[in-house]
Amino acid sequence: MVKGSGVVGEQPILEPGTSFKYTSGTPLKTPSGVMVGFYEMADDKGAAFDVKVPAFSLDSPHQPRQLN
């Protein structure tokens, strides 16, 4: 679990129709894994809401592909 203020050291303000893109990583003890979760966001009035992150596969480019 990653908990903290911001994403990769930034706290972007997203206007309607815009997006924020970043790259991150995590160490794995196996050649592949799955990540899933949510971001807790706040609207312009400060009300909190969650944005779900659907499950996605993490695969090492140095190992044969495995289906998760």
C-alpha atoms as a PDB file:
ATOM      1  CA  MET A   1       0.000   0.000   0.000  1.00  0.00           C
ATOM      2  CA  VAL A   2       1.234   3.449  -0.889  1.00  0.00           C
ATOM      3  CA  LYS A   3      -0.222   6.240   1.165  1.00  0.00           C
ATOM      4  CA  GLY A   4       0.666   9.886   1.027  1.00  0.00           C
ATOM      5  CA  SER A   5      -0.065  13.277  -0.361  1.00  0.00           C
ATOM      6  CA  GLY A   6       0.311  13.596  -4.114  1.00  0.00           C
ATOM      7  CA  VAL A   7       1.557  11.322  -6.871  1.00  0.00           C
ATOM      8  CA  VAL A   8       5.312  10.982  -7.455  1.00  0.00           C
ATOM      9  CA  GLY A   9       5.825  14.220  -5.523  1.00  0.00           C
ATOM     10  CA  GLU A  10       3.184  16.204  -7.411  1.00  0.00           C
ATOM     11  CA  GLN A  11      -0.342  17.331  -6.571  1.00  0.00           C
ATOM     12  CA  PRO A  12      -1.878  18.043  -9.978  1.00  0.00           C
ATOM     13  CA  ILE A  13      -5.083  20.053 -10.347  1.00  0.00           C
ATOM     14  CA  LEU A  14      -7.091  18.461 -13.157  1.00  0.00           C
ATOM     15  CA  GLU A  15      -9.554  20.550 -15.116  1.00  0.00           C
ATOM     16  CA  PRO A  16     -12.484  18.761 -16.819  1.00  0.00           C
ATOM     17  CA  GLY A  17     -11.291  16.829 -19.864  1.00  0.00           C
ATOM     18  CA  THR A  18      -7.616  16.893 -18.862  1.00  0.00           C
ATOM     19  CA  SER A  19      -5.371  14.106 -17.600  1.00  0.00           C
ATOM     20  CA  PHE A  20      -2.183  13.533 -15.630  1.00  0.00           C
ATOM     21  CA  LYS A  21       0.373  10.940 -16.713  1.00  0.00           C
ATOM     22  CA  TYR A  22       3.292   9.603 -14.707  1.00  0.00           C
ATOM     23  CA  THR A  23       5.634   6.636 -14.487  1.00  0.00           C
ATOM     24  CA  SER A  24       6.328   4.696 -11.331  1.00  0.00           C
ATOM     25  CA  GLY A  25       7.562   1.266 -10.328  1.00  0.00           C
ATOM     26  CA  THR A  26       7.697  -1.298  -7.560  1.00  0.00           C
ATOM     27  CA  PRO A  27      10.055  -4.155  -6.708  1.00  0.00           C
ATOM     28  CA  LEU A  28       8.612  -7.643  -7.230  1.00  0.00           C
ATOM     29  CA  LYS A  29       9.812 -10.910  -5.711  1.00  0.00           C
ATOM     30  CA  THR A  30       8.420 -12.778  -8.747  1.00  0.00           C
ATOM     31  CA  PRO A  31       8.719 -12.184 -12.539  1.00  0.00           C
ATOM     32  CA  SER A  32       5.134 -10.912 -12.710  1.00  0.00           C
ATOM     33  CA  GLY A  33       2.364  -9.536 -10.546  1.00  0.00           C
ATOM     34  CA  VAL A  34      -0.899  -7.616 -10.508  1.00  0.00           C
ATOM     35  CA  MET A  35      -1.680  -4.161  -9.184  1.00  0.00           C
ATOM     36  CA  VAL A  36      -5.117  -2.726  -8.367  1.00  0.00           C
ATOM     37  CA  GLY A  37      -6.405   0.046  -6.144  1.00  0.00           C
ATOM     38  CA  PHE A  38      -7.741   3.559  -6.072  1.00  0.00           C
ATOM     39  CA  TYR A  39      -6.749   7.190  -5.822  1.00  0.00           C
ATOM     40  CA  GLU A  40      -8.410   9.387  -3.247  1.00  0.00           C
ATOM     41  CA  MET A  41      -9.158  12.713  -4.898  1.00  0.00           C
ATOM     42  CA  ALA A  42     -10.756  15.983  -3.790  1.00  0.00           C
ATOM     43  CA  ASP A  43     -13.074  18.175  -5.820  1.00  0.00           C
ATOM     44  CA  ASP A  44     -12.763  21.975  -6.012  1.00  0.00           C
ATOM     45  CA  LYS A  45     -14.799  22.298  -2.791  1.00  0.00           C
ATOM     46  CA  GLY A  46     -12.555  19.836  -0.932  1.00  0.00           C
ATOM     47  CA  ALA A  47     -15.010  16.904  -0.894  1.00  0.00           C
ATOM     48  CA  ALA A  48     -13.147  13.578  -1.105  1.00  0.00           C
ATOM     49  CA  PHE A  49     -13.987  10.871  -3.647  1.00  0.00           C
ATOM     50  CA  ASP A  50     -12.243   7.699  -4.846  1.00  0.00           C
ATOM     51  CA  VAL A  51     -11.172   6.899  -8.405  1.00  0.00           C
ATOM     52  CA  LYS A  52     -10.762   3.158  -8.996  1.00  0.00           C
ATOM     53  CA  VAL A  53      -7.675   1.818 -10.746  1.00  0.00           C
ATOM     54  CA  PRO A  54      -8.597  -1.449 -12.494  1.00  0.00           C
ATOM     55  CA  ALA A  55      -6.272  -4.434 -12.127  1.00  0.00           C
ATOM     56  CA  PHE A  56      -3.330  -4.481 -14.508  1.00  0.00           C
ATOM     57  CA  SER A  57      -0.419  -6.852 -15.023  1.00  0.00           C
ATOM     58  CA  LEU A  58       3.174  -6.104 -14.035  1.00  0.00           C
ATOM     59  CA  ASP A  59       5.623  -8.144 -16.108  1.00  0.00           C
ATOM     60  CA  SER A  60       9.417  -8.159 -16.148  1.00  0.00           C
ATOM     61  CA  PRO A  61      10.876  -7.541 -19.619  1.00  0.00           C
ATOM     62  CA  HIS A  62      13.721  -9.891 -18.598  1.00  0.00           C
ATOM     63  CA  GLN A  63      11.573 -12.983 -17.957  1.00  0.00           C
ATOM     64  CA  PRO A  64       9.259 -15.091 -20.152  1.00  0.00           C
ATOM     65  CA  ARG A  65       5.711 -13.718 -20.122  1.00  0.00           C
ATOM     66  CA  GLN A  66       3.243 -15.216 -17.671  1.00  0.00           C
ATOM     67  CA  LEU A  67      -0.489 -14.665 -17.775  1.00  0.00           C
ATOM     68  CA  ASN A  68      -1.923 -13.248 -14.526  1.00  0.00           C
END
